[in-house]
């Protein structure tokens, strides 16, 4: 070790045979030296960290101070639990683990990471190459999508795309499921987007006038790198309402039948609303009349005198009233006051 004192005996002998012993002392000189090794992961995804390990050796025979520094790519940063001044004794070693953080927006490619270990006399520089892996990702949304057209009409489907890839990537769209005689116009069909760039992709679909009325299952594909995303779309080609039934073996009849059903349902709903409105109005009128009668607003007149006995004897019993007639039409139902009175009584009792 440096600073060690050694005592020496030096004997000097002359030619005459006389000798003399001398005492001497010496001190071991200090020597310096260092070494360092580094290991690191060689690949990382954006937004992740790289773990690296460093070991420092003091090769000198005395205590020495060591210093650490690193050079990271732009936007990266590292953390390592090492003191600003690392003191090591003679022949001592020190190992430590650090972390290098890759930013989330790092592009794919190779990056160099360098660390420096040095003393007042020596410097050792170590560099590793780290590969940022490729990322294929995108944010996209279906901007427009027609759901129904007539034969011979057009509709447009558009997709807004934002590239989240960490390298320039080609994006492309396609539409599957459409019959072969349909016309498809893309704007554009494909384009290369830099990271975080936006682009709108569109396709205009035109159906022939002879297209049968039906539901068509379409799929809008968006591909970029090895990734394939898609949107499922249902396009309804409507019936034109012609007498020939649309040319698809009765497809027009189905459309007419569907329209007739809807009209009948609407008519029934309107009639029910009219009946309920009439019942409610008549019920309110009857309640108002009852209230006026109870409050004495109706003038009471005396009853007429009974007829003489001869007239009473001459009177004959009246024939029974005819049975109520069942209305056949909605107009008869609305004009039948007995039905309205019965509904009004039911409404009054329900309200009470």
Protein backbone atom coordinates (compact mmCIF):
# COMPACT_ATOMS: atom_id res chain seq x y z
CA UNK A 1 0.00 0.00 0.00
CA UNK A 2 1.12 3.51 -0.58
CA UNK A 3 2.85 5.18 2.36
CA UNK A 4 4.21 1.94 3.74
CA UNK A 5 7.63 2.48 5.37
CA UNK A 6 10.26 -0.22 4.87
CA UNK A 7 13.43 -0.42 7.06
CA UNK A 8 16.58 -1.63 5.27
CA UNK A 9 20.01 -2.80 6.60
CA UNK A 10 22.81 -1.88 4.20
CA UNK A 11 26.27 -3.44 4.83
CA UNK A 12 29.32 -1.85 3.21
CA UNK A 13 32.58 -3.94 3.03
CA UNK A 14 35.99 -2.49 2.05
CA UNK A 15 38.88 -4.26 0.29
CA UNK A 16 40.71 -4.53 3.57
CA UNK A 17 37.89 -6.60 4.98
CA UNK A 18 36.38 -4.00 7.14
CA UNK A 19 32.60 -3.68 6.99
CA UNK A 20 29.97 -1.33 8.31
CA UNK A 21 26.21 -1.71 8.51
CA UNK A 22 23.95 1.22 7.75
CA UNK A 23 20.30 1.61 8.65
CA UNK A 24 17.93 2.97 5.93
CA UNK A 25 14.20 3.62 5.70
CA UNK A 26 12.05 3.97 2.54
CA UNK A 27 8.41 4.70 1.83
CA UNK A 28 6.27 2.96 -0.85
CA UNK A 29 5.23 5.39 -3.54
CA UNK A 30 1.51 5.83 -4.33
CA UNK A 31 0.32 4.39 -7.60
CA UNK A 32 -3.01 5.15 -9.28
CA UNK A 33 -5.16 3.30 -11.72
CA UNK A 34 -8.78 2.55 -12.52
CA UNK A 35 -11.06 0.44 -14.65
CA UNK A 36 -14.83 0.27 -15.27
CA UNK A 37 -17.27 -2.00 -17.09
CA UNK A 38 -20.84 -1.40 -18.24
CA UNK A 39 -23.76 -3.55 -19.31
CA UNK A 40 -27.07 -2.32 -20.74
CA UNK A 41 -30.26 -3.56 -22.36
CA UNK A 42 -30.07 -3.00 -26.09
CA UNK A 43 -33.74 -2.44 -27.03
CA UNK A 44 -36.61 -0.41 -25.63
CA UNK A 45 -40.13 0.69 -26.54
CA UNK A 46 -41.06 4.39 -26.52
CA UNK A 47 -42.10 5.49 -23.06
CA UNK A 48 -40.20 2.65 -21.36
CA UNK A 49 -36.85 2.54 -19.55
CA UNK A 50 -33.50 0.87 -20.13
CA UNK A 51 -31.69 -0.73 -17.19
CA UNK A 52 -27.90 -0.52 -17.16
CA UNK A 53 -25.23 -1.63 -14.71
CA UNK A 54 -21.80 -0.11 -13.98
CA UNK A 55 -18.84 -1.40 -11.93
CA UNK A 56 -15.83 0.77 -11.03
CA UNK A 57 -12.43 -0.56 -9.91
CA UNK A 58 -9.70 1.32 -8.03
CA UNK A 59 -6.45 -0.20 -9.27
CA UNK A 60 -4.23 2.14 -7.27
CA UNK A 61 -2.53 1.24 -4.01
CA UNK A 62 -4.10 4.16 -2.23
CA UNK A 63 -7.43 5.86 -1.73
CA UNK A 64 -8.80 7.78 -4.68
CA UNK A 65 -11.87 9.77 -5.74
CA UNK A 66 -13.97 8.85 -8.76
CA UNK A 67 -16.53 10.85 -10.72
CA UNK A 68 -19.48 9.89 -12.96
CA UNK A 69 -21.06 11.61 -15.95
CA UNK A 70 -23.26 10.52 -18.87
CA UNK A 71 -24.33 11.73 -22.30
CA UNK A 72 -27.94 10.85 -23.20
CA UNK A 73 -29.90 11.36 -26.44
CA UNK A 74 -32.01 14.49 -26.71
CA UNK A 75 -35.22 14.16 -24.74
CA UNK A 76 -33.93 11.20 -22.71
CA UNK A 77 -32.84 11.27 -19.07
CA UNK A 78 -31.12 8.89 -16.66
CA UNK A 79 -31.05 8.25 -12.94
CA UNK A 80 -28.30 6.43 -11.05
CA UNK A 81 -27.70 6.29 -7.28
CA UNK A 82 -24.05 7.32 -7.30
CA UNK A 83 -22.57 10.14 -5.17
CA UNK A 84 -21.15 13.20 -6.84
CA UNK A 85 -17.72 12.23 -5.47
CA UNK A 86 -17.15 8.51 -5.04
CA UNK A 87 -14.27 7.68 -2.69
CA UNK A 88 -12.74 4.21 -2.99
CA UNK A 89 -9.96 2.65 -0.97
CA UNK A 90 -7.01 0.85 -2.55
CA UNK A 91 -8.09 -2.03 -4.80
CA UNK A 92 -11.77 -1.50 -3.89
CA UNK A 93 -14.64 -1.82 -6.39
CA UNK A 94 -18.13 -0.33 -6.58
CA UNK A 95 -21.14 -1.45 -8.63
CA UNK A 96 -24.45 0.33 -9.19
CA UNK A 97 -27.58 0.00 -11.34
CA UNK A 98 -29.10 2.92 -13.25
CA UNK A 99 -32.12 3.57 -15.43
CA UNK A 100 -32.32 5.37 -18.76
CA UNK A 101 -35.78 6.64 -19.73
CA UNK A 102 -36.88 6.74 -23.35
CA UNK A 103 -39.49 9.42 -24.21
CA UNK A 104 -42.91 8.34 -25.46
CA UNK A 105 -42.46 10.22 -28.73
CA UNK A 106 -39.08 8.71 -29.56
CA UNK A 107 -38.84 7.62 -33.16
CA UNK A 108 -37.72 4.16 -34.12
CA UNK A 109 -33.99 3.74 -34.69
CA UNK A 110 -30.62 3.42 -32.97
CA UNK A 111 -29.51 5.75 -30.18
CA UNK A 112 -26.17 5.95 -28.35
CA UNK A 113 -25.76 6.27 -24.61
CA UNK A 114 -22.36 7.16 -23.15
CA UNK A 115 -21.08 7.18 -19.57
CA UNK A 116 -17.79 8.55 -18.30
CA UNK A 117 -15.85 7.38 -15.21
CA UNK A 118 -12.81 9.47 -14.36
CA UNK A 119 -10.34 10.49 -11.65
CA UNK A 120 -7.88 13.38 -11.59
CA UNK A 121 -5.55 11.36 -13.77
CA UNK A 122 -7.63 8.85 -15.73
CA UNK A 123 -10.80 8.81 -17.83
CA UNK A 124 -12.74 5.84 -19.15
CA UNK A 125 -15.61 6.34 -21.58
CA UNK A 126 -18.11 3.59 -22.40
CA UNK A 127 -20.83 3.76 -25.08
CA UNK A 128 -23.73 1.43 -25.79
CA UNK A 129 -26.21 1.41 -28.68
CA UNK A 130 -29.90 1.17 -27.85
CA UNK A 131 -32.50 0.27 -30.45
CA UNK A 132 -35.91 1.95 -30.10
CA UNK A 133 -38.40 -0.57 -31.45
CA UNK A 134 -41.00 0.24 -34.09
CA UNK A 135 -44.52 1.09 -32.91
CA UNK A 136 -47.54 0.95 -35.21
CA UNK A 137 -50.54 2.72 -33.74
CA UNK A 138 -53.11 5.24 -34.87
CA UNK A 139 -56.14 7.18 -33.71
CA UNK A 140 -58.96 7.04 -36.24
CA UNK A 141 -62.69 7.78 -36.39
CA UNK A 142 -65.41 7.25 -38.98
CA UNK A 143 -66.39 10.81 -39.98
CA UNK A 144 -69.25 10.15 -42.42
CA UNK A 145 -71.20 7.07 -43.37
CA UNK A 146 -74.42 6.93 -45.37
CA UNK A 147 -76.88 4.25 -44.25
CA UNK A 148 -79.42 4.25 -47.09
CA UNK A 149 -79.44 5.18 -50.77
CA UNK A 150 -81.61 4.68 -53.84
CA UNK A 151 -80.31 2.64 -56.78
CA UNK A 152 -78.04 4.82 -58.89
CA UNK A 153 -77.18 7.17 -56.00
CA UNK A 154 -73.83 7.67 -54.26
CA UNK A 155 -72.69 7.79 -50.65
CA UNK A 156 -69.35 8.66 -49.07
CA UNK A 157 -67.41 7.08 -46.22
CA UNK A 158 -64.58 9.07 -44.62
CA UNK A 159 -62.04 8.15 -41.95
CA UNK A 160 -59.98 10.70 -40.03
CA UNK A 161 -56.56 9.29 -39.11
CA UNK A 162 -53.85 10.53 -36.75
CA UNK A 163 -50.62 8.54 -36.95
CA UNK A 164 -49.26 7.46 -33.57
CA UNK A 165 -46.47 5.44 -35.18
CA UNK A 166 -42.88 6.33 -34.28
CA UNK A 167 -41.71 6.21 -37.89
CA UNK A 168 -43.10 7.28 -41.28
CA UNK A 169 -45.83 4.76 -42.08
CA UNK A 170 -47.98 4.11 -45.12
CA UNK A 171 -51.73 4.14 -44.46
CA UNK A 172 -54.24 2.65 -46.91
CA UNK A 173 -58.01 2.11 -47.03
CA UNK A 174 -60.16 -0.40 -48.87
CA UNK A 175 -63.87 -1.26 -49.03
CA UNK A 176 -64.98 -4.89 -49.17
CA UNK A 177 -68.40 -6.47 -49.44
CA UNK A 178 -69.69 -4.28 -52.28
CA UNK A 179 -70.97 -6.01 -55.45
CA UNK A 180 -68.57 -6.08 -58.37
CA UNK A 181 -70.63 -3.68 -60.49
CA UNK A 182 -70.51 -0.92 -57.87
CA UNK A 183 -68.11 1.99 -58.51
CA UNK A 184 -65.58 2.91 -55.80
CA UNK A 185 -63.54 6.13 -55.88
CA UNK A 186 -60.82 6.60 -53.23
CA UNK A 187 -59.36 9.94 -52.17
CA UNK A 188 -56.64 8.95 -51.48
CA UNK A 189 -56.24 5.20 -51.58
CA UNK A 190 -52.97 5.36 -49.57
CA UNK A 191 -50.55 7.91 -48.18
CA UNK A 192 -47.41 7.95 -46.00
CA UNK A 193 -47.81 9.83 -42.73
CA UNK A 194 -45.05 11.07 -40.46
CA UNK A 195 -45.48 10.54 -36.72
CA UNK A 196 -48.41 12.51 -35.25
CA UNK A 197 -49.59 13.75 -38.64
CA UNK A 198 -53.30 13.80 -39.59
CA UNK A 199 -55.01 12.78 -42.84
CA UNK A 200 -58.52 12.16 -44.11
CA UNK A 201 -59.21 9.12 -46.30
CA UNK A 202 -62.47 8.87 -48.26
CA UNK A 203 -64.25 6.48 -50.58
CA UNK A 204 -67.29 7.37 -52.70
CA UNK A 205 -69.63 4.44 -53.41
CA UNK A 206 -71.96 4.49 -56.43
CA UNK A 207 -74.58 1.78 -56.94
CA UNK A 208 -76.04 0.99 -60.39
CA UNK A 209 -79.69 1.80 -61.08
CA UNK A 210 -80.37 -1.92 -61.40
CA UNK A 211 -79.21 -2.65 -57.84
CA UNK A 212 -81.80 -4.80 -56.01
CA UNK A 213 -83.33 -3.40 -52.85
CA UNK A 214 -81.59 -5.07 -49.93
CA UNK A 215 -79.20 -4.65 -47.01
CA UNK A 216 -75.51 -4.85 -47.94
CA UNK A 217 -72.83 -5.66 -45.38
CA UNK A 218 -69.71 -3.60 -46.11
CA UNK A 219 -66.37 -3.39 -44.33
CA UNK A 220 -64.08 -0.36 -44.47
CA UNK A 221 -60.48 -1.49 -43.92
CA UNK A 222 -57.64 0.71 -42.65
CA UNK A 223 -54.15 -0.83 -42.82
CA UNK A 224 -50.83 0.55 -41.62
CA UNK A 225 -47.69 -1.51 -41.11
CA UNK A 226 -48.76 -4.94 -39.84
CA UNK A 227 -51.96 -3.53 -38.29
CA UNK A 228 -55.42 -3.84 -39.85
CA UNK A 229 -58.42 -2.01 -38.37
CA UNK A 230 -61.93 -2.05 -39.82
CA UNK A 231 -65.43 -0.61 -39.56
CA UNK A 232 -68.52 -2.74 -40.22
CA UNK A 233 -71.12 -0.82 -42.24
CA UNK A 234 -74.67 -1.76 -43.23
CA UNK A 235 -75.90 0.02 -46.37
CA UNK A 236 -79.58 -0.25 -47.31
CA UNK A 237 -80.48 0.18 -50.98
CA UNK A 238 -84.10 1.34 -50.88
CA UNK A 239 -86.90 0.29 -53.19
CA UNK A 240 -87.77 2.90 -55.80
CA UNK A 241 -91.47 2.00 -55.54
CA UNK A 242 -91.90 1.02 -59.23
CA UNK A 243 -94.60 -1.39 -60.42
CA UNK A 244 -92.09 -3.96 -61.57
CA UNK A 245 -91.13 -4.62 -57.94
CA UNK A 246 -87.53 -3.43 -58.23
CA UNK A 247 -86.47 -6.34 -60.43
CA UNK A 248 -85.45 -8.63 -57.60
CA UNK A 249 -88.24 -11.19 -57.55
CA UNK A 250 -90.80 -9.47 -55.36
CA UNK A 251 -88.60 -7.10 -53.44
CA UNK A 252 -90.92 -4.21 -54.38
CA UNK A 253 -93.94 -6.02 -52.92
CA UNK A 254 -92.16 -6.30 -49.60
CA UNK A 255 -91.50 -2.58 -49.58
CA UNK A 256 -95.17 -1.79 -50.44
CA UNK A 257 -96.36 -4.15 -47.73
CA UNK A 258 -94.09 -2.49 -45.21
CA UNK A 259 -95.41 0.94 -46.21
CA UNK A 260 -99.05 -0.20 -45.94
CA UNK A 261 -98.45 -1.60 -42.47
CA UNK A 262 -96.94 1.67 -41.35
CA UNK A 263 -99.89 3.63 -42.74
CA UNK A 264 -102.38 1.38 -40.96
CA UNK A 265 -100.50 1.74 -37.68
CA UNK A 266 -100.45 5.53 -38.03
CA UNK A 267 -104.19 5.60 -38.84
CA UNK A 268 -105.06 3.49 -35.79
CA UNK A 269 -102.93 5.70 -33.56
CA UNK A 270 -104.66 8.85 -34.87
CA UNK A 271 -108.12 7.35 -34.30
CA UNK A 272 -107.26 6.29 -30.76
CA UNK A 273 -106.00 9.79 -29.99
CA UNK A 274 -109.23 11.34 -31.36
CA UNK A 275 -111.41 8.99 -29.27
CA UNK A 276 -109.45 9.69 -26.09
CA UNK A 277 -109.60 13.44 -26.72
CA UNK A 278 -113.37 13.32 -27.22
CA UNK A 279 -113.84 11.26 -24.06
CA UNK A 280 -111.73 13.64 -22.00
CA UNK A 281 -113.56 16.74 -23.32
CA UNK A 282 -116.98 15.22 -22.68
CA UNK A 283 -115.93 14.08 -19.22
CA UNK A 284 -114.80 17.58 -18.33
CA UNK A 285 -118.09 19.02 -19.62
CA UNK A 286 -120.10 16.60 -17.46
CA UNK A 287 -118.02 17.43 -14.41
CA UNK A 288 -118.51 21.16 -15.01
CA UNK A 289 -122.27 20.62 -15.29
CA UNK A 290 -122.34 18.65 -12.04
CA UNK A 291 -120.38 21.37 -10.26
CA UNK A 292 -122.77 24.06 -11.47
CA UNK A 293 -125.72 22.02 -10.32
CA UNK A 294 -124.25 21.45 -6.88
CA UNK A 295 -123.48 25.15 -6.48
CA UNK A 296 -127.11 26.05 -7.29
CA UNK A 297 -126.37 27.80 -10.51
CA UNK A 298 -129.19 25.84 -12.25
CA UNK A 299 -132.67 27.23 -11.62
CA UNK A 300 -135.02 24.74 -9.99
CA UNK A 301 -138.58 24.73 -11.33
CA UNK A 302 -141.57 23.10 -9.61
CA UNK A 303 -142.77 19.82 -10.99
CA UNK A 304 -145.96 19.85 -13.07
CA UNK A 305 -149.15 18.55 -11.34
CA UNK A 306 -150.00 14.88 -11.87
CA UNK A 307 -152.53 14.13 -14.62
CA UNK A 308 -156.17 13.32 -13.70
CA UNK A 309 -157.03 9.68 -12.92
CA UNK A 310 -158.77 9.26 -16.25
CA UNK A 311 -155.63 10.24 -18.12
CA UNK A 312 -153.52 7.92 -15.97
CA UNK A 313 -155.81 5.00 -16.70
CA UNK A 314 -155.76 5.75 -20.39
CA UNK A 315 -151.99 5.68 -20.54
CA UNK A 316 -150.44 2.48 -21.85
CA UNK A 317 -146.99 1.13 -21.04
CA UNK A 318 -144.32 2.19 -23.48
CA UNK A 319 -142.58 -0.49 -25.58
CA UNK A 320 -139.08 -1.50 -24.45
CA UNK A 321 -136.22 0.48 -26.00
CA UNK A 322 -134.37 -1.17 -28.90
CA UNK A 323 -131.02 -2.82 -28.08
CA UNK A 324 -127.95 -0.59 -28.55
CA UNK A 325 -126.52 -0.76 -32.01
CA UNK A 326 -122.89 -1.67 -32.32
CA UNK A 327 -121.09 0.98 -34.41
CA UNK A 328 -119.48 -0.34 -37.56
CA UNK A 329 -117.23 2.57 -38.42
CA UNK A 330 -115.07 5.06 -36.55
CA UNK A 331 -117.44 7.89 -37.55
CA UNK A 332 -120.40 6.01 -36.00
CA UNK A 333 -118.34 5.33 -32.91
CA UNK A 334 -117.55 9.04 -32.49
CA UNK A 335 -121.23 10.04 -33.08
CA UNK A 336 -122.61 7.50 -30.60
CA UNK A 337 -123.31 9.52 -27.45
CA UNK A 338 -123.94 6.37 -25.39
CA UNK A 339 -120.40 5.20 -26.00
CA UNK A 340 -119.06 8.62 -25.16
CA UNK A 341 -121.22 8.78 -22.01
CA UNK A 342 -119.99 5.37 -20.91
CA UNK A 343 -116.35 6.42 -21.46
CA UNK A 344 -117.04 9.68 -19.62
CA UNK A 345 -118.51 7.82 -16.65
CA UNK A 346 -115.53 5.49 -16.62
CA UNK A 347 -113.17 8.46 -16.72
CA UNK A 348 -115.06 10.19 -13.87
CA UNK A 349 -114.96 7.09 -11.71
CA UNK A 350 -111.27 6.55 -12.52
CA UNK A 351 -110.51 10.18 -11.64
CA UNK A 352 -112.42 9.88 -8.32
